[in-house]
Amino acid sequence: MQGKYKEYMRNMEHVLGQILRKGQSALILGPRQTGKTFLAKACLTEVKKLMEYPLQDPGIRMEMERDAGVLIRQVEAQAGKPVVFVDEAQKVPELFDSAQYLIDENKASFIITGSSARKLRRKGVNLLPGRIRTFRLDPLQWNEFGWQTDHDAGLFRMPNINAIKGYSFEHSLIYGSLPGIVNQPDDKERVGLLKSYTQTYLEEEIRAEALSRKIGPFSRFLELAAQESGTNPNLTKLSLESGVSVPTIKEYFNILEDTLVVEKVEPYLKNARKRILTSPRYYFFDLGVRNALARVPLTEDLLNVDKGRLFEHAVILELIRRIRTQNLDYKVHYWRTGGGAEVDCVIDTGATIIPIEIKAGSKVTLTSLRGLSSFLETYKGKVKKAYVITTGRMPEKLTDTITALPWKYL
């Protein structure tokens, strides 16, 4: 998908521009094909003294692998303080030591991208805390598509910065929001690229994790985990169906989390008076990738069969991305009691909690919100506002506390 991106504005461009103007450094992490390279290059177009190290290039990667200190010598040979762009840094983690020295000596500033915190951590890499700002780039957000309605009722609102044509919200539920997928001229191309993406991810991680003897079980696990995305995974069932032990299943989930392929959502447990489920949920970072891994039909028929689940998945991902993009110190949880009462999303802001139910219908009634009602009763006094995200046309006040909010108004 590289080279196919159109010039979409991204939410992160403004802050990266500020960092560059101040002579500071940034590390951009994100799953494959979210547009990290394109974003960095867009922000670097005005930089006059730029040194580039695309580690996808085998020649450059081998040069750095032989001697990571060559980066220091090449920078010191420059007149003035250059900006150094290192793309896919996890391929040569030793470069972080060189970057630390150059930043500490004020000899260079850096824009670094990477797709696997796991690979960096396994090498014992210090991700330069206090020296470099770390960001996470996700697939396109709703305001990056231009889908938001101008209204002051929503949560963590962000203004539209693009007006992408020819790709609808319904498309995103099937094919996801990776820029390279959105840019394709037709759905057939999107299906082919998604299948290629999942196969590339599988092969890369098999190679990186030395799992070559377990490619069958790991591949089967990926399919099963994708199918259960957004639910409480039954580890014993996954173990039986994939043919590996429960501890191995847990390690596989760690791989998905560390390679930024899943978002881990913990249960909300504070001051619980009821028996609450305590296992985490995992949401695949992109619905198109999730659907391709789950081997479901990548056609509009999927919406007829599973729109409720896909809609919930999309809203949860959008909330996580907005909180992260705005650098808010909020935590996203879910809530479910042993008796079956459930709230899809609970946002803990520290000062208050915001329960959110997600319904794929255009209309909701209070009788369909028993889980939300149970939560409000349990945490009486701690909730100022609660929401139901719907596919409706206009916001509706259901009670003094609960507002039904169409997804475009979120």
Protein backbone atom coordinates (compact mmCIF):
# COMPACT_ATOMS: atom_id res chain seq x y z
CA MET A 1 0.00 0.00 0.00
CA GLN A 2 3.01 2.29 0.18
CA GLY A 3 3.07 5.00 -2.48
CA LYS A 4 -0.70 4.99 -2.94
CA TYR A 5 -1.59 7.61 -0.33
CA LYS A 6 -3.39 10.75 -1.34
CA GLU A 7 -2.55 13.94 0.49
CA TYR A 8 -4.89 13.59 3.44
CA MET A 9 -4.39 15.91 6.38
CA ARG A 10 -3.75 14.05 9.61
CA ASN A 11 -4.54 15.22 13.11
CA MET A 12 -0.93 14.83 14.17
CA GLU A 13 0.55 17.16 11.54
CA HIS A 14 0.11 20.34 13.56
CA VAL A 15 1.87 19.10 16.70
CA LEU A 16 4.70 17.49 14.71
CA GLY A 17 5.22 20.78 12.90
CA GLN A 18 5.52 22.54 16.25
CA ILE A 19 8.05 19.98 17.47
CA LEU A 20 10.21 20.46 14.37
CA ARG A 21 10.09 24.24 14.62
CA LYS A 22 11.34 24.01 18.22
CA GLY A 23 14.20 21.69 17.24
CA GLN A 24 12.76 18.84 19.31
CA SER A 25 12.39 15.14 18.47
CA ALA A 26 9.48 12.71 18.02
CA LEU A 27 8.93 8.96 17.90
CA ILE A 28 5.87 7.88 15.89
CA LEU A 29 4.67 4.35 16.62
CA GLY A 30 1.80 2.67 14.82
CA PRO A 31 0.71 -0.52 13.07
CA ARG A 32 1.86 -1.20 9.54
CA GLN A 33 0.38 0.97 6.78
CA THR A 34 -1.25 3.60 8.99
CA GLY A 35 0.71 6.26 7.10
CA LYS A 36 3.66 6.94 9.43
CA THR A 37 6.16 7.45 6.61
CA PHE A 38 3.81 9.66 4.61
CA LEU A 39 2.99 11.75 7.69
CA ALA A 40 6.65 12.23 8.58
CA LYS A 41 7.59 13.24 5.04
CA ALA A 42 4.67 15.67 4.86
CA CYS A 43 5.95 17.38 8.01
CA LEU A 44 9.56 17.37 6.78
CA THR A 45 8.98 19.03 3.41
CA GLU A 46 10.13 22.45 4.68
CA VAL A 47 13.20 21.13 6.51
CA LYS A 48 16.35 22.35 4.74
CA LYS A 49 18.94 20.17 6.45
CA LEU A 50 17.48 16.64 6.40
CA MET A 51 19.16 13.26 6.66
CA GLU A 52 17.04 10.21 5.83
CA TYR A 53 17.54 6.60 6.91
CA PRO A 54 14.77 4.42 5.43
CA LEU A 55 15.57 1.09 7.04
CA GLN A 56 13.28 -0.70 4.59
CA ASP A 57 16.21 -0.24 2.17
CA PRO A 58 18.37 -3.38 2.63
CA GLY A 59 21.59 -1.50 1.86
CA ILE A 60 20.99 1.22 4.45
CA ARG A 61 19.74 -1.30 7.01
CA MET A 62 22.85 -3.49 6.58
CA GLU A 63 25.14 -0.45 6.89
CA MET A 64 23.48 0.51 10.19
CA GLU A 65 23.45 -3.09 11.46
CA ARG A 66 27.21 -3.42 10.89
CA ASP A 67 27.97 -0.25 12.84
CA ALA A 68 25.20 1.86 14.40
CA GLY A 69 27.85 4.44 15.36
CA VAL A 70 28.17 5.44 11.71
CA LEU A 71 25.03 7.53 12.25
CA ILE A 72 26.91 9.69 14.78
CA ARG A 73 29.88 10.16 12.45
CA GLN A 74 27.68 11.05 9.49
CA VAL A 75 25.73 13.63 11.52
CA GLU A 76 28.92 15.13 12.95
CA ALA A 77 30.22 15.56 9.41
CA GLN A 78 27.32 17.96 8.70
CA ALA A 79 27.50 21.70 9.23
CA GLY A 80 24.83 22.80 11.69
CA LYS A 81 22.11 20.76 13.37
CA PRO A 82 20.23 18.49 10.93
CA VAL A 83 16.88 16.74 11.34
CA VAL A 84 17.37 12.98 11.07
CA PHE A 85 14.47 10.88 9.80
CA VAL A 86 14.77 7.18 10.74
CA ASP A 87 11.97 5.10 9.22
CA GLU A 88 11.05 1.66 10.68
CA ALA A 89 13.52 1.97 13.55
CA GLN A 90 12.61 -1.42 15.02
CA LYS A 91 14.67 -2.99 12.22
CA VAL A 92 17.89 -1.65 13.81
CA PRO A 93 17.13 -0.91 17.50
CA GLU A 94 20.80 -0.13 18.22
CA LEU A 95 20.30 3.24 16.46
CA PHE A 96 18.46 4.53 19.55
CA ASP A 97 21.77 4.70 21.45
CA SER A 98 23.25 6.84 18.68
CA ALA A 99 20.11 9.01 18.63
CA GLN A 100 20.33 9.51 22.41
CA TYR A 101 23.92 10.71 22.16
CA LEU A 102 23.15 13.12 19.31
CA ILE A 103 20.09 14.54 21.08
CA ASP A 104 21.93 14.94 24.39
CA GLU A 105 24.79 16.75 22.63
CA ASN A 106 22.28 18.92 20.71
CA LYS A 107 23.85 17.81 17.43
CA ALA A 108 20.61 16.65 15.76
CA SER A 109 16.88 16.33 16.24
CA PHE A 110 15.01 13.21 15.15
CA ILE A 111 11.77 12.02 13.63
CA ILE A 112 11.66 8.25 14.18
CA THR A 113 8.94 5.81 13.13
CA GLY A 114 8.35 2.22 14.25
CA SER A 115 5.68 -0.46 14.08
CA SER A 116 6.62 -2.75 16.95
CA ALA A 117 7.29 -1.68 20.53
CA ARG A 118 7.86 -5.38 21.24
CA LYS A 119 10.91 -5.62 19.01
CA LEU A 120 12.38 -2.51 20.56
CA ARG A 121 11.66 -3.65 24.11
CA ARG A 122 13.07 -7.11 23.50
CA LYS A 123 16.38 -5.53 22.50
CA GLY A 124 16.38 -3.54 25.72
CA VAL A 125 15.98 -0.29 23.83
CA ASN A 126 15.57 2.88 25.86
CA LEU A 127 12.84 4.83 24.03
CA LEU A 128 14.47 8.08 25.14
CA PRO A 129 12.03 9.26 27.80
CA GLY A 130 12.45 12.96 28.52
CA ARG A 131 14.36 13.43 25.26
CA ILE A 132 11.75 12.60 22.68
CA ARG A 133 7.95 12.84 22.48
CA THR A 134 6.18 9.60 21.63
CA PHE A 135 3.03 9.45 19.52
CA ARG A 136 0.79 6.72 18.18
CA LEU A 137 -0.58 6.98 14.62
CA ASP A 138 -3.86 5.13 14.05
CA PRO A 139 -5.89 4.51 10.90
CA LEU A 140 -7.97 7.46 9.69
CA GLN A 141 -10.27 8.97 12.31
CA TRP A 142 -13.78 10.21 11.59
CA ASN A 143 -12.79 13.87 11.41
CA GLU A 144 -9.98 12.90 9.03
CA PHE A 145 -12.67 11.53 6.71
CA GLY A 146 -14.86 14.60 7.19
CA TRP A 147 -17.77 12.65 8.69
CA GLN A 148 -18.40 14.79 11.78
CA THR A 149 -21.48 16.97 12.09
CA ASP A 150 -20.77 20.46 13.41
CA HIS A 151 -22.38 20.29 16.84
CA ASP A 152 -21.35 20.91 20.44
CA ALA A 153 -23.03 17.84 21.94
CA GLY A 154 -20.29 15.29 21.33
CA LEU A 155 -17.44 13.74 23.29
CA PHE A 156 -13.83 14.91 22.81
CA ARG A 157 -14.86 16.49 19.52
CA MET A 158 -12.39 17.17 16.75
CA PRO A 159 -13.16 19.37 13.71
CA ASN A 160 -13.19 17.91 10.22
CA ILE A 161 -9.88 18.39 8.41
CA ASN A 162 -10.66 16.52 5.16
CA ALA A 163 -13.67 15.80 2.97
CA ILE A 164 -12.88 12.37 1.55
CA LYS A 165 -15.29 11.39 -1.22
CA GLY A 166 -16.33 7.94 -2.36
CA TYR A 167 -15.74 6.14 0.93
CA SER A 168 -18.60 5.89 3.40
CA PHE A 169 -18.88 4.98 7.06
CA GLU A 170 -20.45 1.68 5.93
CA HIS A 171 -17.35 1.04 3.80
CA SER A 172 -15.21 1.48 6.91
CA LEU A 173 -17.18 -1.17 8.80
CA ILE A 174 -16.24 -3.69 6.10
CA TYR A 175 -12.84 -2.56 4.81
CA GLY A 176 -11.53 -0.49 7.70
CA SER A 177 -9.74 2.86 7.68
CA LEU A 178 -6.16 2.25 6.59
CA PRO A 179 -5.22 5.06 4.17
CA GLY A 180 -4.02 2.68 1.48
CA ILE A 181 -7.33 0.78 1.58
CA VAL A 182 -9.41 3.97 1.48
CA ASN A 183 -7.50 5.14 -1.60
CA GLN A 184 -8.29 2.09 -3.69
CA PRO A 185 -10.61 2.64 -6.69
CA ASP A 186 -12.89 -0.32 -5.97
CA ASP A 187 -13.79 -2.93 -3.37
CA LYS A 188 -12.09 -5.77 -5.24
CA GLU A 189 -8.74 -4.01 -4.85
CA ARG A 190 -9.48 -3.40 -1.18
CA VAL A 191 -10.17 -7.09 -0.55
CA GLY A 192 -6.93 -8.10 -2.26
CA LEU A 193 -4.84 -5.64 -0.29
CA LEU A 194 -6.40 -6.60 3.04
CA LYS A 195 -5.65 -10.27 2.42
CA SER A 196 -2.09 -9.33 1.47
CA TYR A 197 -1.77 -7.21 4.63
CA THR A 198 -2.83 -10.04 6.93
CA GLN A 199 -0.51 -12.50 5.20
CA THR A 200 2.43 -10.08 5.44
CA TYR A 201 1.75 -9.48 9.13
CA LEU A 202 1.59 -13.22 9.77
CA GLU A 203 4.85 -13.90 7.95
CA GLU A 204 6.69 -10.96 9.52
CA GLU A 205 5.69 -11.85 13.07
CA ILE A 206 6.39 -15.55 12.54
CA ARG A 207 9.89 -14.56 11.45
CA ALA A 208 10.38 -12.04 14.26
CA GLU A 209 9.13 -14.32 17.02
CA ALA A 210 10.87 -17.49 15.74
CA LEU A 211 7.50 -19.24 15.53
CA SER A 212 8.19 -21.01 12.24
CA ARG A 213 7.27 -24.40 13.74
CA LYS A 214 4.00 -22.94 15.02
CA ILE A 215 2.79 -21.11 11.92
CA GLY A 216 -0.33 -23.29 11.73
CA PRO A 217 -1.41 -22.76 15.36
CA PHE A 218 -0.54 -19.05 15.30
CA SER A 219 -2.46 -18.54 12.07
CA ARG A 220 -5.45 -20.37 13.53
CA PHE A 221 -5.19 -18.32 16.71
CA LEU A 222 -5.23 -15.09 14.68
CA GLU A 223 -8.43 -16.17 12.94
CA LEU A 224 -10.14 -17.13 16.20
CA ALA A 225 -8.95 -14.00 18.03
CA ALA A 226 -10.26 -11.81 15.20
CA GLN A 227 -13.62 -13.56 15.33
CA GLU A 228 -13.83 -12.85 19.07
CA SER A 229 -12.56 -9.27 18.79
CA GLY A 230 -14.48 -7.07 21.23
CA THR A 231 -15.63 -9.94 23.44
CA ASN A 232 -14.20 -11.59 26.53
CA PRO A 233 -12.05 -14.31 24.93
CA ASN A 234 -12.46 -17.80 26.28
CA LEU A 235 -8.80 -18.79 26.62
CA THR A 236 -9.57 -22.46 27.18
CA LYS A 237 -11.70 -22.60 24.04
CA LEU A 238 -9.04 -20.78 22.04
CA SER A 239 -6.45 -23.23 23.35
CA LEU A 240 -8.48 -26.26 22.33
CA GLU A 241 -9.33 -24.91 18.88
CA SER A 242 -5.84 -23.65 18.04
CA GLY A 243 -3.95 -26.58 19.52
CA VAL A 244 -1.66 -24.64 21.88
CA SER A 245 -1.63 -24.17 25.65
CA VAL A 246 -3.42 -21.41 27.55
CA PRO A 247 -0.06 -19.77 28.54
CA THR A 248 0.86 -19.74 24.84
CA ILE A 249 -2.50 -18.14 23.99
CA LYS A 250 -1.73 -15.40 26.54
CA GLU A 251 1.68 -14.87 24.94
CA TYR A 252 0.07 -14.65 21.49
CA PHE A 253 -2.22 -11.89 22.78
CA ASN A 254 0.87 -10.13 24.13
CA ILE A 255 2.39 -10.30 20.64
CA LEU A 256 -0.74 -8.72 19.15
CA GLU A 257 -0.73 -6.00 21.79
CA ASP A 258 2.98 -5.21 21.47
CA THR A 259 2.83 -5.07 17.67
CA LEU A 260 -0.07 -2.60 18.06
CA VAL A 261 -2.55 -4.88 16.29
CA VAL A 262 -5.04 -4.97 19.19
CA GLU A 263 -6.30 -2.48 21.75
CA LYS A 264 -6.60 -3.98 25.22
CA VAL A 265 -9.67 -2.80 27.19
CA GLU A 266 -9.78 -3.66 30.88
CA PRO A 267 -12.99 -4.01 32.93
CA TYR A 268 -14.12 -1.14 35.16
CA LEU A 269 -13.79 -2.45 38.70
CA LYS A 270 -13.75 0.58 40.99
CA ASN A 271 -16.01 0.33 44.05
CA ALA A 272 -17.92 -2.58 42.55
CA ARG A 273 -20.77 -3.85 44.69
CA LYS A 274 -21.58 -6.61 42.21
CA ARG A 275 -19.54 -9.48 40.86
CA ILE A 276 -17.78 -8.02 37.80
CA LEU A 277 -16.06 -9.93 35.00
CA THR A 278 -12.34 -9.30 35.26
CA SER A 279 -10.88 -10.52 31.96
CA PRO A 280 -9.80 -7.93 29.38
CA ARG A 281 -11.29 -7.46 25.93
CA TYR A 282 -9.21 -7.07 22.80
CA TYR A 283 -10.24 -4.93 19.83
CA PHE A 284 -8.32 -5.32 16.58
CA PHE A 285 -6.94 -1.90 15.59
CA ASP A 286 -8.74 -1.81 12.22
CA LEU A 287 -12.03 -3.38 11.18
CA GLY A 288 -10.83 -4.29 7.69
CA VAL A 289 -7.84 -6.16 9.11
CA ARG A 290 -10.08 -7.78 11.69
CA ASN A 291 -12.58 -8.92 9.05
CA ALA A 292 -9.88 -10.27 6.76
CA LEU A 293 -8.22 -12.20 9.60
CA ALA A 294 -11.60 -13.57 10.72
CA ARG A 295 -12.21 -14.81 7.17
CA VAL A 296 -15.68 -13.29 6.96
CA PRO A 297 -17.09 -12.25 3.55
CA LEU A 298 -15.75 -8.81 2.69
CA THR A 299 -18.98 -7.67 1.05
CA GLU A 300 -21.99 -5.55 1.97
CA ASP A 301 -23.71 -8.75 3.11
CA LEU A 302 -21.50 -8.57 6.21
CA LEU A 303 -23.49 -5.56 7.42
CA ASN A 304 -26.74 -7.52 7.18
CA VAL A 305 -25.31 -10.24 9.39
CA ASP A 306 -23.09 -8.42 11.89
CA LYS A 307 -23.69 -4.66 11.78
CA GLY A 308 -24.31 -4.34 15.53
CA ARG A 309 -20.99 -5.84 16.46
CA LEU A 310 -19.08 -3.95 13.76
CA PHE A 311 -20.71 -0.66 14.77
CA GLU A 312 -19.77 -1.17 18.42
CA HIS A 313 -16.21 -2.02 17.38
CA ALA A 314 -15.96 1.15 15.26
CA VAL A 315 -17.22 3.43 18.04
CA ILE A 316 -14.87 1.92 20.64
CA LEU A 317 -11.89 2.38 18.33
CA GLU A 318 -12.86 5.98 17.57
CA LEU A 319 -13.14 6.84 21.27
CA ILE A 320 -9.73 5.28 22.00
CA ARG A 321 -8.17 7.17 19.09
CA ARG A 322 -9.65 10.53 20.08
CA ILE A 323 -8.45 10.21 23.65
CA ARG A 324 -4.98 9.29 22.42
CA THR A 325 -4.84 12.00 19.73
CA GLN A 326 -5.83 14.70 22.22
CA ASN A 327 -3.32 13.37 24.76
CA LEU A 328 -6.03 13.00 27.40
CA ASP A 329 -5.19 11.03 30.51
CA TYR A 330 -8.42 9.03 30.34
CA LYS A 331 -8.90 5.27 30.54
CA VAL A 332 -11.34 3.28 28.42
CA HIS A 333 -13.03 0.31 30.10
CA TYR A 334 -16.05 -1.94 29.72
CA TRP A 335 -18.40 -3.11 32.49
CA ARG A 336 -20.20 -6.41 32.82
CA THR A 337 -21.59 -8.12 35.88
CA GLY A 338 -21.82 -11.80 36.58
CA GLY A 339 -25.59 -11.42 36.15
CA GLY A 340 -25.20 -10.20 32.58
CA ALA A 341 -25.71 -6.42 33.03
CA GLU A 342 -23.32 -4.70 30.64
CA VAL A 343 -22.12 -1.29 29.48
CA ASP A 344 -20.07 -1.31 26.28
CA CYS A 345 -17.71 1.51 27.23
CA VAL A 346 -16.85 3.32 30.46
CA ILE A 347 -14.49 6.28 30.23
CA ASP A 348 -12.71 7.16 33.46
CA THR A 349 -11.54 10.78 33.29
CA GLY A 350 -10.23 10.76 36.84
CA ALA A 351 -12.75 13.39 37.91
CA THR A 352 -15.82 11.59 36.63
CA ILE A 353 -16.94 8.49 34.76
CA ILE A 354 -18.84 8.44 31.46
CA PRO A 355 -20.80 5.27 30.65
CA ILE A 356 -21.57 4.73 26.96
CA GLU A 357 -23.89 2.19 25.38
CA ILE A 358 -23.61 1.51 21.64
CA LYS A 359 -26.68 0.56 19.59
CA ALA A 360 -26.65 0.08 15.82
CA GLY A 361 -30.34 1.06 15.55
CA SER A 362 -31.62 4.55 14.82
CA LYS A 363 -34.00 4.54 17.81
CA VAL A 364 -33.50 3.37 21.38
CA THR A 365 -35.85 3.00 24.32
CA LEU A 366 -35.08 3.04 28.02
CA THR A 367 -36.22 -0.58 28.30
CA SER A 368 -33.32 -1.57 26.01
CA LEU A 369 -30.82 0.11 28.34
CA ARG A 370 -31.04 -2.12 31.40
CA GLY A 371 -27.26 -2.47 31.62
CA LEU A 372 -26.80 1.29 31.54
CA SER A 373 -29.55 1.75 34.12
CA SER A 374 -27.88 -0.82 36.38
CA PHE A 375 -24.55 1.00 36.05
CA LEU A 376 -26.12 4.36 36.90
CA GLU A 377 -27.73 2.83 39.97
CA THR A 378 -24.45 1.21 41.04
CA TYR A 379 -22.38 4.38 40.59
CA LYS A 380 -25.04 6.87 41.61
CA GLY A 381 -23.55 10.30 42.16
CA LYS A 382 -20.39 9.61 40.15
CA VAL A 383 -21.95 9.98 36.69
CA LYS A 384 -22.97 13.38 35.37
CA LYS A 385 -23.73 12.33 31.79
CA ALA A 386 -24.33 9.01 30.05
CA TYR A 387 -24.64 8.39 26.32
CA VAL A 388 -26.12 5.95 23.84
CA ILE A 389 -24.36 6.08 20.47
CA THR A 390 -26.78 5.27 17.64
CA THR A 391 -27.23 5.46 13.87
CA GLY A 392 -30.03 8.00 14.31
CA ARG A 393 -30.40 11.39 12.64
CA MET A 394 -30.49 13.80 15.59
CA PRO A 395 -29.53 13.74 19.30
CA GLU A 396 -32.30 12.96 21.77
CA LYS A 397 -32.53 13.57 25.50
CA LEU A 398 -33.80 10.31 27.03
CA THR A 399 -33.47 11.31 30.70
CA ASP A 400 -31.78 14.08 32.66
CA THR A 401 -28.62 11.94 32.54
CA ILE A 402 -28.86 9.91 29.31
CA THR A 403 -28.53 11.38 25.81
CA ALA A 404 -28.90 9.38 22.59
CA LEU A 405 -26.19 10.63 20.25
CA PRO A 406 -25.90 9.69 16.55
CA TRP A 407 -22.37 8.60 15.69
CA LYS A 408 -21.82 11.66 13.47
CA TYR A 409 -22.41 13.87 16.53
CA LEU A 410 -19.97 11.95 18.73
